[in-house]
Amino acid sequence: MNRHELLRRMRKSKFFMIGASMVVFLMTTALLATTIAPHNPTRLNLSMRLTPPDYFANGWGGYPLGTDALGQCVFSRLLVGSTISFQIAITVVALTFVIGTLLGVVAGFFGGALDTIIMRIGDIQLSIPALIFAIAIMAVLGNSMFNLILVLVINGWVQFARLVRSSVMMIRNTEFVNASKALGASNFRIMFAQILPNVMTSLIIVTSQEFGRVILIEAALSFIGLGVPPPAPSWGGMIAQGREYLATSPWVVIAPGMALMVAVFAFNFLGNGVRDVLDPKNKN
C-alpha cells in the first residue's frame, strides 16, 4: 500500500479520524499536565474540601472541577493522573509487544518442545481471568509502580505471542522462506528480516487496541488499592476515594470517570480505525 492510498484510507475512516484526534488531544494534555495544572495535585487544603466546581469562573487559579474530600484540586489531579496512566500504558504495551513478539516468533518458527512449553504457559495464564490474576500477584508482591508494570506485562504478553506464532507457522514453509534457507540465510535473519515484517499489520492493530485495555486494568487495580500508590493521583484511585461522596459531591467521581471513559473510547476507536485502514480486503 503506497503512502497516498494509506492517507486516503485514514481520511475515509471515521473511526480512525475520531480516535486519532482524541488520542492526540489526550496525549498532548498528558505531556503538558504538570505545566497547565493550576494547583499541586497532592497538596492538602482541608479548608477547601468538597468545594463545588467553578468551571473557570474564577480563572485558571480557581477550582474548575471542584475539590475532593482532602481539599485537593480535582482538575489538577485529573491532568497529572492522565500522565501517570499514559506512562504506564506506553511502558506496558512496549514491553508486552517486544516480549510477546519474540516468544511468538521463536515458538512459531522452531515448533517442537519449545513451542509447547511457551504456549502451555500462555494457556495456563489465559485460564485465569486477567483482573483476578493481577490482584493475586499484586497482593503477593506489594503495591508499587514497578510491580504494577510487571503484573500488567505478565498479563499482556500472551495475546501478542499467540498472534505472532499462528502467523509465523503459516509463513515459515512458504517458497521465499525455503529459498532463503537454501541460500544459507541464518534463522535469525529469516525470522526477523523476512517473516516478522509480514506479521506487522496484525501487530499494529492489536497494539493500538491494547492501550485502552491496559488503562482500564490499571484503573481497576487502583480502585481497589493495588494500583498506583498514593499520594500519586490515579483515575481509578480518585473514583475509589470519592465514591462515598457520590450523593453529595458527585463531581469527585464524575470527572475521573468521564476521563477514563473518554480515554478507553479513544483507543478503541483508534484500534478499529487502524484495522479498517490496514485491512487489505477493505477497498473503500
Protein backbone atom coordinates (compact mmCIF):
# COMPACT_ATOMS: atom_id res chain seq x y z
CA MET A 1 0.00 0.00 0.00
CA ASN A 2 1.51 3.32 -1.06
CA ARG A 3 1.50 6.49 1.02
CA HIS A 4 -1.31 8.21 -0.91
CA GLU A 5 -3.60 5.20 -0.55
CA LEU A 6 -2.80 4.99 3.17
CA LEU A 7 -3.63 8.68 3.70
CA ARG A 8 -6.84 8.31 1.69
CA ARG A 9 -7.96 5.41 3.88
CA MET A 10 -7.12 7.34 7.03
CA ARG A 11 -9.23 10.30 5.94
CA LYS A 12 -12.04 7.97 4.86
CA SER A 13 -12.24 6.09 8.17
CA LYS A 14 -14.40 7.94 10.68
CA PHE A 15 -13.21 5.64 13.46
CA PHE A 16 -9.58 6.47 12.70
CA MET A 17 -10.09 10.22 12.44
CA ILE A 18 -12.14 10.45 15.64
CA GLY A 19 -9.87 8.07 17.57
CA ALA A 20 -6.64 9.69 16.36
CA SER A 21 -7.92 13.19 17.17
CA MET A 22 -8.96 12.14 20.68
CA VAL A 23 -5.69 10.31 21.34
CA VAL A 24 -3.58 13.26 20.14
CA PHE A 25 -5.57 15.60 22.40
CA LEU A 26 -5.24 13.29 25.41
CA MET A 27 -1.51 12.71 24.84
CA THR A 28 -0.86 16.44 24.44
CA THR A 29 -2.75 17.18 27.63
CA ALA A 30 -0.80 14.47 29.48
CA LEU A 31 2.54 15.86 28.26
CA LEU A 32 1.65 19.37 29.42
CA ALA A 33 -0.16 18.29 32.60
CA THR A 34 2.40 19.50 35.14
CA THR A 35 2.66 22.82 33.31
CA ILE A 36 -1.04 23.60 32.96
CA ALA A 37 -2.28 22.13 36.25
CA PRO A 38 -3.47 25.12 38.32
CA HIS A 39 -2.60 23.55 41.70
CA ASN A 40 -0.26 21.00 43.25
CA PRO A 41 -2.22 17.72 42.82
CA THR A 42 -1.03 16.30 46.17
CA ARG A 43 -1.35 19.45 48.29
CA LEU A 44 -3.99 19.18 51.04
CA ASN A 45 -6.28 22.11 51.85
CA LEU A 46 -8.94 20.94 54.28
CA SER A 47 -10.49 24.41 54.45
CA MET A 48 -11.50 23.97 50.78
CA ARG A 49 -12.67 20.34 50.98
CA LEU A 50 -15.53 19.34 48.67
CA THR A 51 -15.70 22.76 47.06
CA PRO A 52 -18.13 22.65 44.08
CA PRO A 53 -16.72 23.24 40.57
CA ASP A 54 -16.49 26.85 39.44
CA TYR A 55 -15.95 25.90 35.76
CA PHE A 56 -13.21 28.54 35.30
CA ALA A 57 -15.46 31.33 36.66
CA ASN A 58 -12.56 32.26 38.98
CA GLY A 59 -9.95 31.91 36.26
CA TRP A 60 -7.18 29.35 35.96
CA GLY A 61 -6.30 29.68 39.64
CA GLY A 62 -9.70 28.52 40.82
CA TYR A 63 -11.11 25.02 41.06
CA PRO A 64 -12.66 24.28 37.63
CA LEU A 65 -13.80 20.77 38.65
CA GLY A 66 -14.03 21.36 42.39
CA THR A 67 -12.04 19.71 45.18
CA ASP A 68 -12.13 16.30 46.83
CA ALA A 69 -12.54 15.29 50.47
CA LEU A 70 -8.97 16.39 51.24
CA GLY A 71 -9.27 19.74 49.51
CA GLN A 72 -7.14 18.65 46.53
CA CYS A 73 -7.91 20.16 43.13
CA VAL A 74 -9.78 17.55 41.08
CA PHE A 75 -8.78 19.17 37.77
CA SER A 76 -5.06 19.14 38.66
CA ARG A 77 -5.23 15.53 39.84
CA LEU A 78 -7.08 14.60 36.66
CA LEU A 79 -4.35 16.10 34.48
CA VAL A 80 -1.41 14.60 36.37
CA GLY A 81 -3.27 11.29 36.65
CA SER A 82 -3.50 11.17 32.86
CA THR A 83 0.29 11.48 32.64
CA ILE A 84 0.77 8.56 35.02
CA SER A 85 -1.84 6.42 33.22
CA PHE A 86 -0.30 7.02 29.79
CA GLN A 87 3.25 6.46 31.04
CA ILE A 88 2.20 3.11 32.45
CA ALA A 89 0.25 2.21 29.30
CA ILE A 90 3.12 3.08 26.94
CA THR A 91 5.67 1.18 29.04
CA VAL A 92 3.48 -1.90 29.41
CA VAL A 93 2.42 -2.06 25.75
CA ALA A 94 6.03 -1.59 24.56
CA LEU A 95 7.30 -4.40 26.82
CA THR A 96 4.45 -6.80 26.02
CA PHE A 97 4.93 -6.09 22.30
CA VAL A 98 8.64 -6.95 22.44
CA ILE A 99 8.37 -9.97 24.76
CA GLY A 100 5.26 -11.43 23.11
CA THR A 101 6.61 -10.93 19.61
CA LEU A 102 9.97 -12.54 20.40
CA LEU A 103 8.37 -15.56 22.08
CA GLY A 104 5.78 -15.90 19.30
CA VAL A 105 8.38 -15.81 16.54
CA VAL A 106 10.58 -18.36 18.28
CA ALA A 107 7.65 -20.68 19.09
CA GLY A 108 6.17 -20.49 15.60
CA PHE A 109 9.44 -20.86 13.71
CA PHE A 110 11.09 -23.69 15.66
CA GLY A 111 7.99 -25.52 16.92
CA GLY A 112 8.54 -28.71 18.88
CA ALA A 113 9.13 -28.75 22.63
CA LEU A 114 9.96 -25.04 22.75
CA ASP A 115 6.63 -24.15 21.16
CA THR A 116 4.78 -26.49 23.52
CA ILE A 117 6.38 -25.00 26.65
CA ILE A 118 5.72 -21.38 25.65
CA MET A 119 2.14 -21.99 24.57
CA ARG A 120 1.23 -24.13 27.58
CA ILE A 121 2.47 -21.37 29.90
CA GLY A 122 0.30 -18.96 27.91
CA ASP A 123 -2.71 -21.30 28.10
CA ILE A 124 -2.38 -21.59 31.87
CA GLN A 125 -2.25 -17.83 32.20
CA LEU A 126 -5.26 -17.34 29.90
CA SER A 127 -7.29 -19.77 32.01
CA ILE A 128 -7.13 -17.25 34.88
CA PRO A 129 -9.22 -14.05 34.50
CA ALA A 130 -6.88 -11.11 33.87
CA LEU A 131 -8.08 -8.98 36.77
CA ILE A 132 -8.05 -11.88 39.26
CA PHE A 133 -4.52 -12.77 38.16
CA ALA A 134 -3.36 -9.17 38.57
CA ILE A 135 -4.96 -8.85 42.02
CA ALA A 136 -3.31 -12.09 43.21
CA ILE A 137 0.16 -11.08 42.02
CA MET A 138 -0.09 -7.53 43.40
CA ALA A 139 -1.28 -8.87 46.75
CA VAL A 140 1.86 -11.04 46.94
CA LEU A 141 4.43 -8.59 45.54
CA GLY A 142 3.08 -5.46 47.19
CA ASN A 143 1.88 -2.12 45.91
CA SER A 144 4.45 -0.20 43.83
CA MET A 145 4.74 1.28 40.36
CA PHE A 146 7.35 -1.31 39.32
CA ASN A 147 5.19 -4.22 40.49
CA LEU A 148 2.15 -2.75 38.74
CA ILE A 149 4.01 -2.56 35.41
CA LEU A 150 5.43 -6.06 35.95
CA VAL A 151 1.96 -7.51 36.57
CA LEU A 152 0.47 -5.81 33.51
CA VAL A 153 3.34 -7.05 31.31
CA ILE A 154 2.93 -10.63 32.57
CA ASN A 155 -0.79 -10.28 31.95
CA GLY A 156 -0.48 -8.99 28.38
CA TRP A 157 2.30 -10.83 26.53
CA VAL A 158 0.23 -13.91 25.68
CA GLN A 159 -2.05 -12.40 23.04
CA PHE A 160 0.94 -10.97 21.16
CA ALA A 161 2.74 -14.32 21.32
CA ARG A 162 -0.28 -16.32 20.11
CA LEU A 163 -0.96 -13.92 17.26
CA VAL A 164 2.65 -13.92 16.04
CA ARG A 165 3.02 -17.69 16.46
CA SER A 166 -0.01 -18.51 14.32
CA SER A 167 1.11 -16.11 11.58
CA VAL A 168 4.70 -17.41 11.60
CA MET A 169 3.52 -21.01 11.35
CA MET A 170 1.60 -20.14 8.18
CA ILE A 171 4.58 -18.35 6.63
CA ARG A 172 7.56 -20.50 7.67
CA ASN A 173 7.08 -23.11 4.91
CA THR A 174 6.40 -20.68 2.06
CA GLU A 175 8.61 -20.59 -1.01
CA PHE A 176 10.52 -17.42 -0.16
CA VAL A 177 11.47 -18.80 3.27
CA ASN A 178 12.63 -22.11 1.77
CA ALA A 179 14.62 -20.19 -0.83
CA SER A 180 16.34 -18.15 1.90
CA LYS A 181 17.25 -21.34 3.75
CA ALA A 182 18.67 -22.83 0.54
CA LEU A 183 20.79 -19.70 0.03
CA GLY A 184 22.24 -20.07 3.53
CA ALA A 185 20.40 -17.30 5.36
CA SER A 186 20.57 -17.61 9.16
CA ASN A 187 17.48 -18.42 11.21
CA PHE A 188 17.73 -15.01 12.88
CA ARG A 189 17.64 -13.21 9.53
CA ILE A 190 14.75 -15.32 8.26
CA MET A 191 12.69 -14.80 11.42
CA PHE A 192 13.17 -11.08 11.92
CA ALA A 193 14.02 -9.71 8.47
CA GLN A 194 11.69 -11.79 6.30
CA ILE A 195 8.89 -13.35 8.35
CA LEU A 196 8.25 -10.70 11.01
CA PRO A 197 7.53 -7.83 8.54
CA ASN A 198 4.64 -9.91 7.18
CA VAL A 199 3.07 -10.01 10.65
CA MET A 200 3.42 -6.30 11.48
CA THR A 201 -0.01 -5.27 10.20
CA SER A 202 -1.80 -7.52 12.69
CA LEU A 203 0.60 -6.46 15.45
CA ILE A 204 -0.07 -2.76 14.85
CA ILE A 205 -3.83 -3.33 15.09
CA VAL A 206 -3.56 -5.28 18.35
CA THR A 207 -1.11 -2.77 19.81
CA SER A 208 -3.42 0.18 19.16
CA GLN A 209 -6.27 -1.63 20.91
CA GLU A 210 -4.11 -2.77 23.83
CA PHE A 211 -3.66 0.76 25.23
CA GLY A 212 -7.31 1.04 26.27
CA ARG A 213 -7.25 -2.36 27.97
CA VAL A 214 -4.12 -1.53 29.97
CA ILE A 215 -5.51 1.84 31.11
CA LEU A 216 -8.74 0.15 32.21
CA ILE A 217 -6.97 -2.62 34.18
CA GLU A 218 -4.64 -0.08 35.82
CA ALA A 219 -7.68 1.98 36.88
CA ALA A 220 -9.42 -1.12 38.22
CA LEU A 221 -6.36 -2.08 40.30
CA SER A 222 -6.01 1.49 41.59
CA PHE A 223 -9.71 1.47 42.51
CA ILE A 224 -9.17 -1.43 44.91
CA GLY A 225 -5.89 -0.02 46.24
CA LEU A 226 -3.48 -2.27 44.33
CA GLY A 227 -2.51 0.12 41.54
CA VAL A 228 -0.70 3.45 41.57
CA PRO A 229 0.48 4.00 45.17
CA PRO A 230 -0.76 7.21 46.86
CA PRO A 231 -0.30 10.13 47.04
CA ALA A 232 0.25 9.98 43.26
CA PRO A 233 -3.09 10.67 41.54
CA SER A 234 -4.76 7.90 39.55
CA TRP A 235 -8.17 7.93 37.87
CA GLY A 236 -9.15 4.66 39.49
CA GLY A 237 -7.92 5.84 42.88
CA MET A 238 -9.82 9.12 42.54
CA ILE A 239 -13.03 7.22 41.82
CA ALA A 240 -12.45 4.96 44.83
CA GLN A 241 -11.74 7.89 47.17
CA GLY A 242 -14.81 9.81 46.03
CA ARG A 243 -17.42 7.07 45.82
CA GLU A 244 -18.71 7.69 49.37
CA TYR A 245 -19.42 11.31 48.40
CA LEU A 246 -21.25 10.43 45.20
CA ALA A 247 -24.64 11.55 46.52
CA THR A 248 -23.47 14.88 47.96
CA SER A 249 -20.43 15.79 45.81
CA PRO A 250 -20.76 13.85 42.56
CA TRP A 251 -18.07 15.86 40.73
CA VAL A 252 -15.40 13.98 42.72
CA VAL A 253 -16.32 10.77 40.88
CA ILE A 254 -17.81 12.05 37.63
CA ALA A 255 -14.65 13.86 36.48
CA PRO A 256 -12.22 10.87 36.66
CA GLY A 257 -14.95 8.50 35.48
CA MET A 258 -15.56 10.58 32.36
CA ALA A 259 -11.81 10.90 31.73
CA LEU A 260 -11.39 7.13 31.95
CA MET A 261 -14.33 6.52 29.65
CA VAL A 262 -13.07 9.01 27.04
CA ALA A 263 -9.55 7.52 27.10
CA VAL A 264 -10.78 3.95 26.61
CA PHE A 265 -13.20 5.02 23.87
CA ALA A 266 -10.42 6.96 22.13
CA PHE A 267 -8.08 3.97 21.91
CA ASN A 268 -10.88 1.59 20.94
CA PHE A 269 -11.92 3.95 18.15
CA LEU A 270 -8.29 4.26 17.05
CA GLY A 271 -7.86 0.48 17.07
CA ASN A 272 -10.96 -0.01 14.94
CA GLY A 273 -9.79 2.74 12.61
CA VAL A 274 -6.31 1.24 12.22
CA ARG A 275 -7.93 -2.12 11.42
CA ASP A 276 -10.05 -0.51 8.70
CA VAL A 277 -7.07 1.39 7.26
CA LEU A 278 -4.69 -1.58 7.16
CA ASP A 279 -7.17 -4.27 6.13
CA PRO A 280 -6.17 -5.36 2.59
CA LYS A 281 -9.76 -6.51 1.95
CA ASN A 282 -11.08 -3.01 2.54
CA LYS A 283 -11.46 -1.38 -0.87
CA ASN A 284 -13.44 1.68 0.26
